[in-house]
Amino acid sequence: MIKRLYENSLIYVEVEPSSIAWLKIFVKKKTKEFSSCDKQTKIMVWNMLDLIEKHMLKFFKCDKINIASFGNYLPQVHFHIMTRFKNDDYFPEPMWGIKQRDGKLKLTNLEQFYKSIKEKLTNANL
């Protein structure tokens, strides 16, 4: 089940179910490439990326943040923001890569994180 955390007139933010904290930012206007977005949408996306990344780093003290934008299967502008840990299932591979291990990471505070980031997104004056 995908959980929408935030929405405004330009973008929305969803949770990607995973063993790591993984959010996705989508632009609402059907747009295939980021360069085709209007300036206001670009600024909104970058501000959201910045806010989410900083909160993930502070909340989880993770080893790395991965940000990705492919859109090969879903040709709609969207960005993935993921916490990465040296002992997560795929590290150092991307989350779409070859699984390296099973069950080494147990984030018990994911729901607390999603609640706190939802509050930050809602209260951000972006």
PDB file of N, CA and C in Angstrom:
ATOM      1  N   MET A   1       0.831  -1.172   0.000  1.00  0.00           N
ATOM      2  CA  MET A   1       0.000   0.000   0.000  1.00  0.00           C
ATOM      3  C   MET A   1       0.883   1.247   0.000  1.00  0.00           C
ATOM      4  N   ILE A   2       0.629   2.158  -0.910  1.00  0.00           N
ATOM      5  CA  ILE A   2       1.384   3.400  -0.971  1.00  0.00           C
ATOM      6  C   ILE A   2       0.682   4.445  -0.129  1.00  0.00           C
ATOM      7  N   LYS A   3       1.458   5.124   0.669  1.00  0.00           N
ATOM      8  CA  LYS A   3       0.937   6.101   1.602  1.00  0.00           C
ATOM      9  C   LYS A   3       1.363   7.499   1.145  1.00  0.00           C
ATOM     10  N   ARG A   4       0.403   8.338   0.841  1.00  0.00           N
ATOM     11  CA  ARG A   4       0.694   9.716   0.450  1.00  0.00           C
ATOM     12  C   ARG A   4       0.884  10.550   1.710  1.00  0.00           C
ATOM     13  N   LEU A   5       2.048  11.210   1.796  1.00  0.00           N
ATOM     14  CA  LEU A   5       2.370  12.002   2.977  1.00  0.00           C
ATOM     15  C   LEU A   5       2.059  13.479   2.810  1.00  0.00           C
ATOM     16  N   TYR A   6       2.119  13.961   1.591  1.00  0.00           N
ATOM     17  CA  TYR A   6       1.986  15.398   1.380  1.00  0.00           C
ATOM     18  C   TYR A   6       1.525  15.651  -0.054  1.00  0.00           C
ATOM     19  N   GLU A   7       0.790  16.761  -0.203  1.00  0.00           N
ATOM     20  CA  GLU A   7       0.334  17.140  -1.537  1.00  0.00           C
ATOM     21  C   GLU A   7       0.062  18.640  -1.550  1.00  0.00           C
ATOM     22  N   ASN A   8       0.448  19.277  -2.653  1.00  0.00           N
ATOM     23  CA  ASN A   8       0.049  20.652  -2.890  1.00  0.00           C
ATOM     24  C   ASN A   8      -0.333  20.768  -4.366  1.00  0.00           C
ATOM     25  N   SER A   9      -0.438  21.954  -4.893  1.00  0.00           N
ATOM     26  CA  SER A   9      -0.901  22.118  -6.270  1.00  0.00           C
ATOM     27  C   SER A   9       0.123  21.671  -7.310  1.00  0.00           C
ATOM     28  N   LEU A  10       1.401  21.518  -6.919  1.00  0.00           N
ATOM     29  CA  LEU A  10       2.462  21.186  -7.875  1.00  0.00           C
ATOM     30  C   LEU A  10       3.014  19.775  -7.743  1.00  0.00           C
ATOM     31  N   ILE A  11       3.077  19.272  -6.523  1.00  0.00           N
ATOM     32  CA  ILE A  11       3.754  17.990  -6.278  1.00  0.00           C
ATOM     33  C   ILE A  11       2.988  17.172  -5.240  1.00  0.00           C
ATOM     34  N   TYR A  12       3.381  15.895  -5.130  1.00  0.00           N
ATOM     35  CA  TYR A  12       2.943  15.089  -3.991  1.00  0.00           C
ATOM     36  C   TYR A  12       4.084  14.166  -3.597  1.00  0.00           C
ATOM     37  N   VAL A  13       4.073  13.734  -2.325  1.00  0.00           N
ATOM     38  CA  VAL A  13       5.130  12.892  -1.766  1.00  0.00           C
ATOM     39  C   VAL A  13       4.502  11.609  -1.263  1.00  0.00           C
ATOM     40  N   GLU A  14       5.079  10.477  -1.668  1.00  0.00           N
ATOM     41  CA  GLU A  14       4.583   9.154  -1.262  1.00  0.00           C
ATOM     42  C   GLU A  14       5.682   8.325  -0.619  1.00  0.00           C
ATOM     43  N   VAL A  15       5.260   7.362   0.176  1.00  0.00           N
ATOM     44  CA  VAL A  15       6.154   6.376   0.776  1.00  0.00           C
ATOM     45  C   VAL A  15       6.268   5.193  -0.163  1.00  0.00           C
ATOM     46  N   GLU A  16       7.487   4.722  -0.378  1.00  0.00           N
ATOM     47  CA  GLU A  16       7.728   3.460  -1.078  1.00  0.00           C
ATOM     48  C   GLU A  16       7.955   2.406   0.002  1.00  0.00           C
ATOM     49  N   PRO A  17       7.094   1.400   0.099  1.00  0.00           N
ATOM     50  CA  PRO A  17       7.278   0.368   1.134  1.00  0.00           C
ATOM     51  C   PRO A  17       8.643  -0.319   0.978  1.00  0.00           C
ATOM     52  N   SER A  18       9.404  -0.344   2.051  1.00  0.00           N
ATOM     53  CA  SER A  18      10.759  -0.879   2.004  1.00  0.00           C
ATOM     54  C   SER A  18      11.275  -1.059   3.422  1.00  0.00           C
ATOM     55  N   SER A  19      12.420  -1.725   3.549  1.00  0.00           N
ATOM     56  CA  SER A  19      13.065  -1.875   4.851  1.00  0.00           C
ATOM     57  C   SER A  19      13.856  -0.622   5.216  1.00  0.00           C
ATOM     58  N   ILE A  20      14.034   0.292   4.266  1.00  0.00           N
ATOM     59  CA  ILE A  20      14.689   1.571   4.513  1.00  0.00           C
ATOM     60  C   ILE A  20      13.640   2.678   4.407  1.00  0.00           C
ATOM     61  N   ALA A  21      13.980   3.876   4.854  1.00  0.00           N
ATOM     62  CA  ALA A  21      13.094   5.021   4.626  1.00  0.00           C
ATOM     63  C   ALA A  21      13.263   5.432   3.171  1.00  0.00           C
ATOM     64  N   TRP A  22      12.148   5.431   2.428  1.00  0.00           N
ATOM     65  CA  TRP A  22      12.202   5.664   0.987  1.00  0.00           C
ATOM     66  C   TRP A  22      10.969   6.481   0.604  1.00  0.00           C
ATOM     67  N   LEU A  23      11.203   7.711   0.180  1.00  0.00           N
ATOM     68  CA  LEU A  23      10.122   8.586  -0.254  1.00  0.00           C
ATOM     69  C   LEU A  23      10.261   8.883  -1.738  1.00  0.00           C
ATOM     70  N   LYS A  24       9.142   9.248  -2.354  1.00  0.00           N
ATOM     71  CA  LYS A  24       9.142   9.635  -3.763  1.00  0.00           C
ATOM     72  C   LYS A  24       8.394  10.954  -3.902  1.00  0.00           C
ATOM     73  N   ILE A  25       8.987  11.867  -4.663  1.00  0.00           N
ATOM     74  CA  ILE A  25       8.347  13.140  -4.980  1.00  0.00           C
ATOM     75  C   ILE A  25       7.907  13.074  -6.439  1.00  0.00           C
ATOM     76  N   PHE A  26       6.623  13.326  -6.683  1.00  0.00           N
ATOM     77  CA  PHE A  26       6.075  13.349  -8.038  1.00  0.00           C
ATOM     78  C   PHE A  26       5.615  14.749  -8.379  1.00  0.00           C
ATOM     79  N   VAL A  27       5.826  15.176  -9.627  1.00  0.00           N
ATOM     80  CA  VAL A  27       5.196  16.413 -10.084  1.00  0.00           C
ATOM     81  C   VAL A  27       3.794  16.046 -10.556  1.00  0.00           C
ATOM     82  N   LYS A  28       2.843  16.936 -10.329  1.00  0.00           N
ATOM     83  CA  LYS A  28       1.447  16.642 -10.693  1.00  0.00           C
ATOM     84  C   LYS A  28       1.186  16.774 -12.186  1.00  0.00           C
ATOM     85  N   LYS A  29       1.788  17.792 -12.805  1.00  0.00           N
ATOM     86  CA  LYS A  29       1.571  17.987 -14.232  1.00  0.00           C
ATOM     87  C   LYS A  29       2.285  16.866 -14.984  1.00  0.00           C
ATOM     88  N   LYS A  30       1.580  16.217 -15.869  1.00  0.00           N
ATOM     89  CA  LYS A  30       2.172  15.114 -16.633  1.00  0.00           C
ATOM     90  C   LYS A  30       3.343  15.638 -17.458  1.00  0.00           C
ATOM     91  N   THR A  31       4.538  15.365 -16.962  1.00  0.00           N
ATOM     92  CA  THR A  31       5.764  15.866 -17.562  1.00  0.00           C
ATOM     93  C   THR A  31       6.779  14.735 -17.605  1.00  0.00           C
ATOM     94  N   LYS A  32       7.379  14.521 -18.749  1.00  0.00           N
ATOM     95  CA  LYS A  32       8.294  13.408 -18.947  1.00  0.00           C
ATOM     96  C   LYS A  32       9.715  13.701 -18.441  1.00  0.00           C
ATOM     97  N   GLU A  33      10.171  14.946 -18.604  1.00  0.00           N
ATOM     98  CA  GLU A  33      11.540  15.299 -18.225  1.00  0.00           C
ATOM     99  C   GLU A  33      11.535  16.497 -17.278  1.00  0.00           C
ATOM    100  N   PHE A  34      12.455  16.494 -16.314  1.00  0.00           N
ATOM    101  CA  PHE A  34      12.550  17.582 -15.341  1.00  0.00           C
ATOM    102  C   PHE A  34      12.785  18.926 -16.034  1.00  0.00           C
ATOM    103  N   SER A  35      13.582  18.922 -17.090  1.00  0.00           N
ATOM    104  CA  SER A  35      13.870  20.171 -17.812  1.00  0.00           C
ATOM    105  C   SER A  35      12.621  20.783 -18.433  1.00  0.00           C
ATOM    106  N   SER A  36      11.559  20.002 -18.585  1.00  0.00           N
ATOM    107  CA  SER A  36      10.301  20.507 -19.145  1.00  0.00           C
ATOM    108  C   SER A  36       9.373  21.108 -18.091  1.00  0.00           C
ATOM    109  N   CYS A  37       9.725  20.957 -16.822  1.00  0.00           N
ATOM    110  CA  CYS A  37       8.904  21.525 -15.753  1.00  0.00           C
ATOM    111  C   CYS A  37       9.050  23.042 -15.730  1.00  0.00           C
ATOM    112  N   ASP A  38       8.000  23.714 -15.293  1.00  0.00           N
ATOM    113  CA  ASP A  38       8.094  25.165 -15.139  1.00  0.00           C
ATOM    114  C   ASP A  38       8.978  25.487 -13.938  1.00  0.00           C
ATOM    115  N   LYS A  39       9.441  26.727 -13.882  1.00  0.00           N
ATOM    116  CA  LYS A  39      10.390  27.147 -12.849  1.00  0.00           C
ATOM    117  C   LYS A  39       9.844  26.940 -11.440  1.00  0.00           C
ATOM    118  N   GLN A  40       8.583  27.268 -11.218  1.00  0.00           N
ATOM    119  CA  GLN A  40       7.972  27.123  -9.889  1.00  0.00           C
ATOM    120  C   GLN A  40       7.993  25.663  -9.431  1.00  0.00           C
ATOM    121  N   THR A  41       7.692  24.733 -10.338  1.00  0.00           N
ATOM    122  CA  THR A  41       7.707  23.309 -10.002  1.00  0.00           C
ATOM    123  C   THR A  41       9.129  22.843  -9.712  1.00  0.00           C
ATOM    124  N   LYS A  42      10.092  23.271 -10.518  1.00  0.00           N
ATOM    125  CA  LYS A  42      11.501  22.898 -10.286  1.00  0.00           C
ATOM    126  C   LYS A  42      11.948  23.356  -8.902  1.00  0.00           C
ATOM    127  N   ILE A  43      11.625  24.586  -8.545  1.00  0.00           N
ATOM    128  CA  ILE A  43      12.019  25.116  -7.235  1.00  0.00           C
ATOM    129  C   ILE A  43      11.354  24.307  -6.121  1.00  0.00           C
ATOM    130  N   MET A  44      10.083  23.988  -6.296  1.00  0.00           N
ATOM    131  CA  MET A  44       9.361  23.202  -5.287  1.00  0.00           C
ATOM    132  C   MET A  44      10.004  21.826  -5.110  1.00  0.00           C
ATOM    133  N   VAL A  45      10.320  21.149  -6.213  1.00  0.00           N
ATOM    134  CA  VAL A  45      10.949  19.826  -6.135  1.00  0.00           C
ATOM    135  C   VAL A  45      12.290  19.919  -5.417  1.00  0.00           C
ATOM    136  N   TRP A  46      13.144  20.868  -5.798  1.00  0.00           N
ATOM    137  CA  TRP A  46      14.469  20.976  -5.172  1.00  0.00           C
ATOM    138  C   TRP A  46      14.355  21.324  -3.694  1.00  0.00           C
ATOM    139  N   ASN A  47      13.420  22.183  -3.332  1.00  0.00           N
ATOM    140  CA  ASN A  47      13.228  22.500  -1.918  1.00  0.00           C
ATOM    141  C   ASN A  47      12.762  21.278  -1.129  1.00  0.00           C
ATOM    142  N   MET A  48      11.880  20.492  -1.721  1.00  0.00           N
ATOM    143  CA  MET A  48      11.404  19.263  -1.060  1.00  0.00           C
ATOM    144  C   MET A  48      12.536  18.245  -0.923  1.00  0.00           C
ATOM    145  N   LEU A  49      13.322  18.080  -1.990  1.00  0.00           N
ATOM    146  CA  LEU A  49      14.467  17.165  -1.922  1.00  0.00           C
ATOM    147  C   LEU A  49      15.407  17.567  -0.789  1.00  0.00           C
ATOM    148  N   ASP A  50      15.703  18.840  -0.709  1.00  0.00           N
ATOM    149  CA  ASP A  50      16.610  19.350   0.312  1.00  0.00           C
ATOM    150  C   ASP A  50      16.049  19.105   1.714  1.00  0.00           C
ATOM    151  N   LEU A  51      14.785  19.441   1.920  1.00  0.00           N
ATOM    152  CA  LEU A  51      14.152  19.263   3.222  1.00  0.00           C
ATOM    153  C   LEU A  51      14.135  17.788   3.629  1.00  0.00           C
ATOM    154  N   ILE A  52      13.733  16.915   2.712  1.00  0.00           N
ATOM    155  CA  ILE A  52      13.644  15.477   3.014  1.00  0.00           C
ATOM    156  C   ILE A  52      15.023  14.900   3.301  1.00  0.00           C
ATOM    157  N   GLU A  53      16.008  15.214   2.457  1.00  0.00           N
ATOM    158  CA  GLU A  53      17.352  14.680   2.672  1.00  0.00           C
ATOM    159  C   GLU A  53      17.900  15.092   4.031  1.00  0.00           C
ATOM    160  N   LYS A  54      17.790  16.361   4.368  1.00  0.00           N
ATOM    161  CA  LYS A  54      18.316  16.839   5.658  1.00  0.00           C
ATOM    162  C   LYS A  54      17.614  16.163   6.828  1.00  0.00           C
ATOM    163  N   HIS A  55      16.296  15.980   6.725  1.00  0.00           N
ATOM    164  CA  HIS A  55      15.572  15.328   7.823  1.00  0.00           C
ATOM    165  C   HIS A  55      15.955  13.849   7.925  1.00  0.00           C
ATOM    166  N   MET A  56      16.118  13.168   6.806  1.00  0.00           N
ATOM    167  CA  MET A  56      16.545  11.761   6.835  1.00  0.00           C
ATOM    168  C   MET A  56      17.910  11.629   7.502  1.00  0.00           C
ATOM    169  N   LEU A  57      18.848  12.487   7.123  1.00  0.00           N
ATOM    170  CA  LEU A  57      20.200  12.426   7.703  1.00  0.00           C
ATOM    171  C   LEU A  57      20.168  12.641   9.209  1.00  0.00           C
ATOM    172  N   LYS A  58      19.419  13.623   9.639  1.00  0.00           N
ATOM    173  CA  LYS A  58      19.338  13.929  11.072  1.00  0.00           C
ATOM    174  C   LYS A  58      18.605  12.832  11.842  1.00  0.00           C
ATOM    175  N   PHE A  59      17.489  12.366  11.301  1.00  0.00           N
ATOM    176  CA  PHE A  59      16.648  11.395  12.003  1.00  0.00           C
ATOM    177  C   PHE A  59      17.317  10.028  12.108  1.00  0.00           C
ATOM    178  N   PHE A  60      17.895   9.547  11.009  1.00  0.00           N
ATOM    179  CA  PHE A  60      18.413   8.175  10.976  1.00  0.00           C
ATOM    180  C   PHE A  60      19.915   8.062  11.180  1.00  0.00           C
ATOM    181  N   LYS A  61      20.647   9.169  11.034  1.00  0.00           N
ATOM    182  CA  LYS A  61      22.116   9.089  11.098  1.00  0.00           C
ATOM    183  C   LYS A  61      22.613   8.011  10.133  1.00  0.00           C
ATOM    184  N   CYS A  62      22.021   7.983   8.944  1.00  0.00           N
ATOM    185  CA  CYS A  62      22.341   6.950   7.956  1.00  0.00           C
ATOM    186  C   CYS A  62      23.723   7.186   7.339  1.00  0.00           C
ATOM    187  N   ASP A  63      24.226   6.168   6.645  1.00  0.00           N
ATOM    188  CA  ASP A  63      25.543   6.255   6.028  1.00  0.00           C
ATOM    189  C   ASP A  63      25.526   7.072   4.742  1.00  0.00           C
ATOM    190  N   LYS A  64      24.382   7.110   4.057  1.00  0.00           N
ATOM    191  CA  LYS A  64      24.299   7.788   2.766  1.00  0.00           C
ATOM    192  C   LYS A  64      22.832   8.026   2.434  1.00  0.00           C
ATOM    193  N   ILE A  65      22.580   9.054   1.631  1.00  0.00           N
ATOM    194  CA  ILE A  65      21.264   9.277   1.042  1.00  0.00           C
ATOM    195  C   ILE A  65      21.415   9.040  -0.452  1.00  0.00           C
ATOM    196  N   ASN A  66      20.516   8.271  -1.031  1.00  0.00           N
ATOM    197  CA  ASN A  66      20.482   8.096  -2.488  1.00  0.00           C
ATOM    198  C   ASN A  66      19.287   8.862  -3.020  1.00  0.00           C
ATOM    199  N   ILE A  67      19.523   9.610  -4.084  1.00  0.00           N
ATOM    200  CA  ILE A  67      18.455  10.312  -4.796  1.00  0.00           C
ATOM    201  C   ILE A  67      18.539   9.851  -6.241  1.00  0.00           C
ATOM    202  N   ALA A  68      17.413   9.401  -6.773  1.00  0.00           N
ATOM    203  CA  ALA A  68      17.406   8.864  -8.134  1.00  0.00           C
ATOM    204  C   ALA A  68      16.180   9.341  -8.894  1.00  0.00           C
ATOM    205  N   SER A  69      16.355   9.463 -10.203  1.00  0.00           N
ATOM    206  CA  SER A  69      15.243   9.796 -11.082  1.00  0.00           C
ATOM    207  C   SER A  69      15.467   9.069 -12.397  1.00  0.00           C
ATOM    208  N   PHE A  70      14.641   8.060 -12.662  1.00  0.00           N
ATOM    209  CA  PHE A  70      14.787   7.287 -13.885  1.00  0.00           C
ATOM    210  C   PHE A  70      13.605   7.529 -14.814  1.00  0.00           C
ATOM    211  N   GLY A  71      12.453   7.062 -14.429  1.00  0.00           N
ATOM    212  CA  GLY A  71      11.262   7.266 -15.233  1.00  0.00           C
ATOM    213  C   GLY A  71      11.188   6.421 -16.480  1.00  0.00           C
ATOM    214  N   ASN A  72      11.923   5.328 -16.520  1.00  0.00           N
ATOM    215  CA  ASN A  72      11.868   4.459 -17.706  1.00  0.00           C
ATOM    216  C   ASN A  72      10.557   3.676 -17.771  1.00  0.00           C
ATOM    217  N   TYR A  73      10.119   3.149 -16.647  1.00  0.00           N
ATOM    218  CA  TYR A  73       8.848   2.424 -16.599  1.00  0.00           C
ATOM    219  C   TYR A  73       7.675   3.373 -16.415  1.00  0.00           C
ATOM    220  N   LEU A  74       7.905   4.436 -15.675  1.00  0.00           N
ATOM    221  CA  LEU A  74       6.871   5.431 -15.412  1.00  0.00           C
ATOM    222  C   LEU A  74       7.395   6.772 -15.928  1.00  0.00           C
ATOM    223  N   PRO A  75       7.061   7.135 -17.171  1.00  0.00           N
ATOM    224  CA  PRO A  75       7.604   8.370 -17.758  1.00  0.00           C
ATOM    225  C   PRO A  75       6.912   9.622 -17.214  1.00  0.00           C
ATOM    226  N   GLN A  76       7.019   9.805 -15.945  1.00  0.00           N
ATOM    227  CA  GLN A  76       6.462  10.951 -15.221  1.00  0.00           C
ATOM    228  C   GLN A  76       7.569  11.440 -14.292  1.00  0.00           C
ATOM    229  N   VAL A  77       7.848  12.735 -14.277  1.00  0.00           N
ATOM    230  CA  VAL A  77       8.916  13.259 -13.435  1.00  0.00           C
ATOM    231  C   VAL A  77       8.658  12.875 -11.981  1.00  0.00           C
ATOM    232  N   HIS A  78       9.620  12.162 -11.405  1.00  0.00           N
ATOM    233  CA  HIS A  78       9.583  11.826  -9.988  1.00  0.00           C
ATOM    234  C   HIS A  78      10.993  11.502  -9.508  1.00  0.00           C
ATOM    235  N   PHE A  79      11.193  11.698  -8.225  1.00  0.00           N
ATOM    236  CA  PHE A  79      12.489  11.463  -7.604  1.00  0.00           C
ATOM    237  C   PHE A  79      12.316  10.519  -6.423  1.00  0.00           C
ATOM    238  N   HIS A  80      13.269   9.605  -6.275  1.00  0.00           N
ATOM    239  CA  HIS A  80      13.337   8.691  -5.136  1.00  0.00           C
ATOM    240  C   HIS A  80      14.379   9.245  -4.170  1.00  0.00           C
ATOM    241  N   ILE A  81      14.052   9.281  -2.881  1.00  0.00           N
ATOM    242  CA  ILE A  81      14.991   9.697  -1.842  1.00  0.00           C
ATOM    243  C   ILE A  81      15.027   8.563  -0.826  1.00  0.00           C
ATOM    244  N   MET A  82      16.221   7.983  -0.649  1.00  0.00           N
ATOM    245  CA  MET A  82      16.350   6.770   0.163  1.00  0.00           C
ATOM    246  C   MET A  82      17.460   6.884   1.189  1.00  0.00           C
ATOM    247  N   THR A  83      17.183   6.428   2.410  1.00  0.00           N
ATOM    248  CA  THR A  83      18.243   6.294   3.404  1.00  0.00           C
ATOM    249  C   THR A  83      19.014   5.023   3.075  1.00  0.00           C
ATOM    250  N   ARG A  84      20.321   5.089   3.215  1.00  0.00           N
ATOM    251  CA  ARG A  84      21.140   3.909   2.968  1.00  0.00           C
ATOM    252  C   ARG A  84      22.062   3.663   4.153  1.00  0.00           C
ATOM    253  N   PHE A  85      22.204   2.385   4.473  1.00  0.00           N
ATOM    254  CA  PHE A  85      23.019   1.945   5.589  1.00  0.00           C
ATOM    255  C   PHE A  85      23.939   0.840   5.095  1.00  0.00           C
ATOM    256  N   LYS A  86      25.140   0.783   5.644  1.00  0.00           N
ATOM    257  CA  LYS A  86      26.111  -0.232   5.215  1.00  0.00           C
ATOM    258  C   LYS A  86      25.594  -1.648   5.424  1.00  0.00           C
ATOM    259  N   ASN A  87      24.625  -1.818   6.336  1.00  0.00           N
ATOM    260  CA  ASN A  87      24.086  -3.158   6.586  1.00  0.00           C
ATOM    261  C   ASN A  87      22.665  -3.342   6.044  1.00  0.00           C
ATOM    262  N   ASP A  88      22.210  -2.430   5.128  1.00  0.00           N
ATOM    263  CA  ASP A  88      20.899  -2.692   4.521  1.00  0.00           C
ATOM    264  C   ASP A  88      21.026  -3.814   3.499  1.00  0.00           C
ATOM    265  N   ASP A  89      19.915  -4.314   3.021  1.00  0.00           N
ATOM    266  CA  ASP A  89      19.906  -5.510   2.174  1.00  0.00           C
ATOM    267  C   ASP A  89      20.728  -5.383   0.890  1.00  0.00           C
ATOM    268  N   TYR A  90      20.887  -4.179   0.370  1.00  0.00           N
ATOM    269  CA  TYR A  90      21.511  -4.001  -0.944  1.00  0.00           C
ATOM    270  C   TYR A  90      22.841  -3.252  -0.933  1.00  0.00           C
ATOM    271  N   PHE A  91      23.159  -2.531   0.132  1.00  0.00           N
ATOM    272  CA  PHE A  91      24.355  -1.693   0.163  1.00  0.00           C
ATOM    273  C   PHE A  91      25.614  -2.493  -0.145  1.00  0.00           C
ATOM    274  N   PRO A  92      26.509  -2.030  -0.991  1.00  0.00           N
ATOM    275  CA  PRO A  92      26.586  -0.731  -1.635  1.00  0.00           C
ATOM    276  C   PRO A  92      25.849  -0.655  -2.985  1.00  0.00           C
ATOM    277  N   GLU A  93      25.163  -1.706  -3.354  1.00  0.00           N
ATOM    278  CA  GLU A  93      24.381  -1.704  -4.596  1.00  0.00           C
ATOM    279  C   GLU A  93      23.202  -0.747  -4.475  1.00  0.00           C
ATOM    280  N   PRO A  94      22.669  -0.268  -5.596  1.00  0.00           N
ATOM    281  CA  PRO A  94      21.424   0.501  -5.522  1.00  0.00           C
ATOM    282  C   PRO A  94      20.289  -0.422  -5.095  1.00  0.00           C
ATOM    283  N   MET A  95      19.194   0.150  -4.642  1.00  0.00           N
ATOM    284  CA  MET A  95      18.053  -0.648  -4.194  1.00  0.00           C
ATOM    285  C   MET A  95      17.467  -1.502  -5.316  1.00  0.00           C
ATOM    286  N   TRP A  96      17.785  -1.206  -6.547  1.00  0.00           N
ATOM    287  CA  TRP A  96      17.334  -1.995  -7.695  1.00  0.00           C
ATOM    288  C   TRP A  96      18.397  -2.993  -8.113  1.00  0.00           C
ATOM    289  N   GLY A  97      19.512  -3.062  -7.369  1.00  0.00           N
ATOM    290  CA  GLY A  97      20.643  -3.894  -7.746  1.00  0.00           C
ATOM    291  C   GLY A  97      20.546  -5.307  -7.200  1.00  0.00           C
ATOM    292  N   ILE A  98      21.700  -5.893  -6.999  1.00  0.00           N
ATOM    293  CA  ILE A  98      21.795  -7.265  -6.511  1.00  0.00           C
ATOM    294  C   ILE A  98      21.777  -7.247  -4.986  1.00  0.00           C
ATOM    295  N   LYS A  99      20.849  -8.017  -4.423  1.00  0.00           N
ATOM    296  CA  LYS A  99      20.727  -8.100  -2.965  1.00  0.00           C
ATOM    297  C   LYS A  99      22.017  -8.685  -2.393  1.00  0.00           C
ATOM    298  N   GLN A 100      22.528  -8.046  -1.345  1.00  0.00           N
ATOM    299  CA  GLN A 100      23.803  -8.431  -0.746  1.00  0.00           C
ATOM    300  C   GLN A 100      23.671  -9.289   0.508  1.00  0.00           C
ATOM    301  N   ARG A 101      22.534  -9.158   1.205  1.00  0.00           N
ATOM    302  CA  ARG A 101      22.353  -9.861   2.481  1.00  0.00           C
ATOM    303  C   ARG A 101      20.882  -9.838   2.864  1.00  0.00           C
ATOM    304  N   ASP A 102      20.500 -10.602   3.858  1.00  0.00           N
ATOM    305  CA  ASP A 102      19.120 -10.631   4.355  1.00  0.00           C
ATOM    306  C   ASP A 102      19.040 -10.121   5.785  1.00  0.00           C
ATOM    307  N   GLY A 103      18.076  -9.239   6.015  1.00  0.00           N
ATOM    308  CA  GLY A 103      17.671  -8.880   7.361  1.00  0.00           C
ATOM    309  C   GLY A 103      18.688  -8.287   8.297  1.00  0.00           C
ATOM    310  N   LYS A 104      19.686  -7.600   7.810  1.00  0.00           N
ATOM    311  CA  LYS A 104      20.692  -7.009   8.699  1.00  0.00           C
ATOM    312  C   LYS A 104      20.229  -5.670   9.274  1.00  0.00           C
ATOM    313  N   LEU A 105      19.221  -5.062   8.662  1.00  0.00           N
ATOM    314  CA  LEU A 105      18.765  -3.749   9.092  1.00  0.00           C
ATOM    315  C   LEU A 105      17.317  -3.838   9.543  1.00  0.00           C
ATOM    316  N   LYS A 106      17.056  -3.356  10.727  1.00  0.00           N
ATOM    317  CA  LYS A 106      15.694  -3.332  11.268  1.00  0.00           C
ATOM    318  C   LYS A 106      15.403  -1.933  11.778  1.00  0.00           C
ATOM    319  N   LEU A 107      14.755  -1.120  10.939  1.00  0.00           N
ATOM    320  CA  LEU A 107      14.376   0.232  11.350  1.00  0.00           C
ATOM    321  C   LEU A 107      13.016   0.161  12.022  1.00  0.00           C
ATOM    322  N   THR A 108      13.013   0.285  13.321  1.00  0.00           N
ATOM    323  CA  THR A 108      11.764   0.174  14.073  1.00  0.00           C
ATOM    324  C   THR A 108      11.029   1.505  14.167  1.00  0.00           C
ATOM    325  N   ASN A 109      11.689   2.571  13.740  1.00  0.00           N
ATOM    326  CA  ASN A 109      11.098   3.893  13.891  1.00  0.00           C
ATOM    327  C   ASN A 109      10.630   4.499  12.567  1.00  0.00           C
ATOM    328  N   LEU A 110      10.342   3.671  11.574  1.00  0.00           N
ATOM    329  CA  LEU A 110       9.894   4.188  10.276  1.00  0.00           C
ATOM    330  C   LEU A 110       8.597   4.979  10.384  1.00  0.00           C
ATOM    331  N   GLU A 111       7.624   4.467  11.115  1.00  0.00           N
ATOM    332  CA  GLU A 111       6.351   5.190  11.244  1.00  0.00           C
ATOM    333  C   GLU A 111       6.546   6.529  11.942  1.00  0.00           C
ATOM    334  N   GLN A 112       7.414   6.558  12.930  1.00  0.00           N
ATOM    335  CA  GLN A 112       7.722   7.819  13.614  1.00  0.00           C
ATOM    336  C   GLN A 112       8.362   8.801  12.626  1.00  0.00           C
ATOM    337  N   PHE A 113       9.270   8.297  11.790  1.00  0.00           N
ATOM    338  CA  PHE A 113       9.887   9.157  10.775  1.00  0.00           C
ATOM    339  C   PHE A 113       8.833   9.699   9.808  1.00  0.00           C
ATOM    340  N   TYR A 114       7.962   8.825   9.303  1.00  0.00           N
ATOM    341  CA  TYR A 114       6.956   9.279   8.342  1.00  0.00           C
ATOM    342  C   TYR A 114       6.028  10.321   8.962  1.00  0.00           C
ATOM    343  N   LYS A 115       5.707  10.154  10.219  1.00  0.00           N
ATOM    344  CA  LYS A 115       4.875  11.141  10.905  1.00  0.00           C
ATOM    345  C   LYS A 115       5.622  12.468  11.013  1.00  0.00           C
ATOM    346  N   SER A 116       6.884  12.422  11.375  1.00  0.00           N
ATOM    347  CA  SER A 116       7.657  13.656  11.553  1.00  0.00           C
ATOM    348  C   SER A 116       7.929  14.354  10.218  1.00  0.00           C
ATOM    349  N   ILE A 117       8.196  13.607   9.156  1.00  0.00           N
ATOM    350  CA  ILE A 117       8.455  14.250   7.864  1.00  0.00           C
ATOM    351  C   ILE A 117       7.156  14.815   7.288  1.00  0.00           C
ATOM    352  N   LYS A 118       6.047  14.149   7.530  1.00  0.00           N
ATOM    353  CA  LYS A 118       4.756  14.676   7.082  1.00  0.00           C
ATOM    354  C   LYS A 118       4.492  16.022   7.735  1.00  0.00           C
ATOM    355  N   GLU A 119       4.782  16.115   9.019  1.00  0.00           N
ATOM    356  CA  GLU A 119       4.617  17.374   9.745  1.00  0.00           C
ATOM    357  C   GLU A 119       5.535  18.451   9.185  1.00  0.00           C
ATOM    358  N   LYS A 120       6.799  18.101   8.926  1.00  0.00           N
ATOM    359  CA  LYS A 120       7.746  19.065   8.358  1.00  0.00           C
ATOM    360  C   LYS A 120       7.290  19.546   6.974  1.00  0.00           C
ATOM    361  N   LEU A 121       6.845  18.629   6.136  1.00  0.00           N
ATOM    362  CA  LEU A 121       6.399  18.998   4.791  1.00  0.00           C
ATOM    363  C   LEU A 121       5.173  19.893   4.864  1.00  0.00           C
ATOM    364  N   THR A 122       4.258  19.562   5.737  1.00  0.00           N
ATOM    365  CA  THR A 122       3.020  20.332   5.880  1.00  0.00           C
ATOM    366  C   THR A 122       3.296  21.739   6.389  1.00  0.00           C
ATOM    367  N   ASN A 123       4.254  21.860   7.296  1.00  0.00           N
ATOM    368  CA  ASN A 123       4.534  23.156   7.916  1.00  0.00           C
ATOM    369  C   ASN A 123       5.603  23.969   7.179  1.00  0.00           C
ATOM    370  N   ALA A 124       6.240  23.370   6.175  1.00  0.00           N
ATOM    371  CA  ALA A 124       7.281  24.087   5.425  1.00  0.00           C
ATOM    372  C   ALA A 124       6.649  25.214   4.619  1.00  0.00           C
ATOM    373  N   ASN A 125       7.298  26.320   4.624  1.00  0.00           N
ATOM    374  CA  ASN A 125       6.806  27.465   3.847  1.00  0.00           C
ATOM    375  C   ASN A 125       7.638  27.536   2.568  1.00  0.00           C
ATOM    376  N   LEU A 126       7.378  26.601   1.654  1.00  0.00           N
ATOM    377  CA  LEU A 126       8.185  26.531   0.425  1.00  0.00           C
ATOM    378  C   LEU A 126       7.494  27.151  -0.752  1.00  0.00           C
TER     379      LEU A 126
END
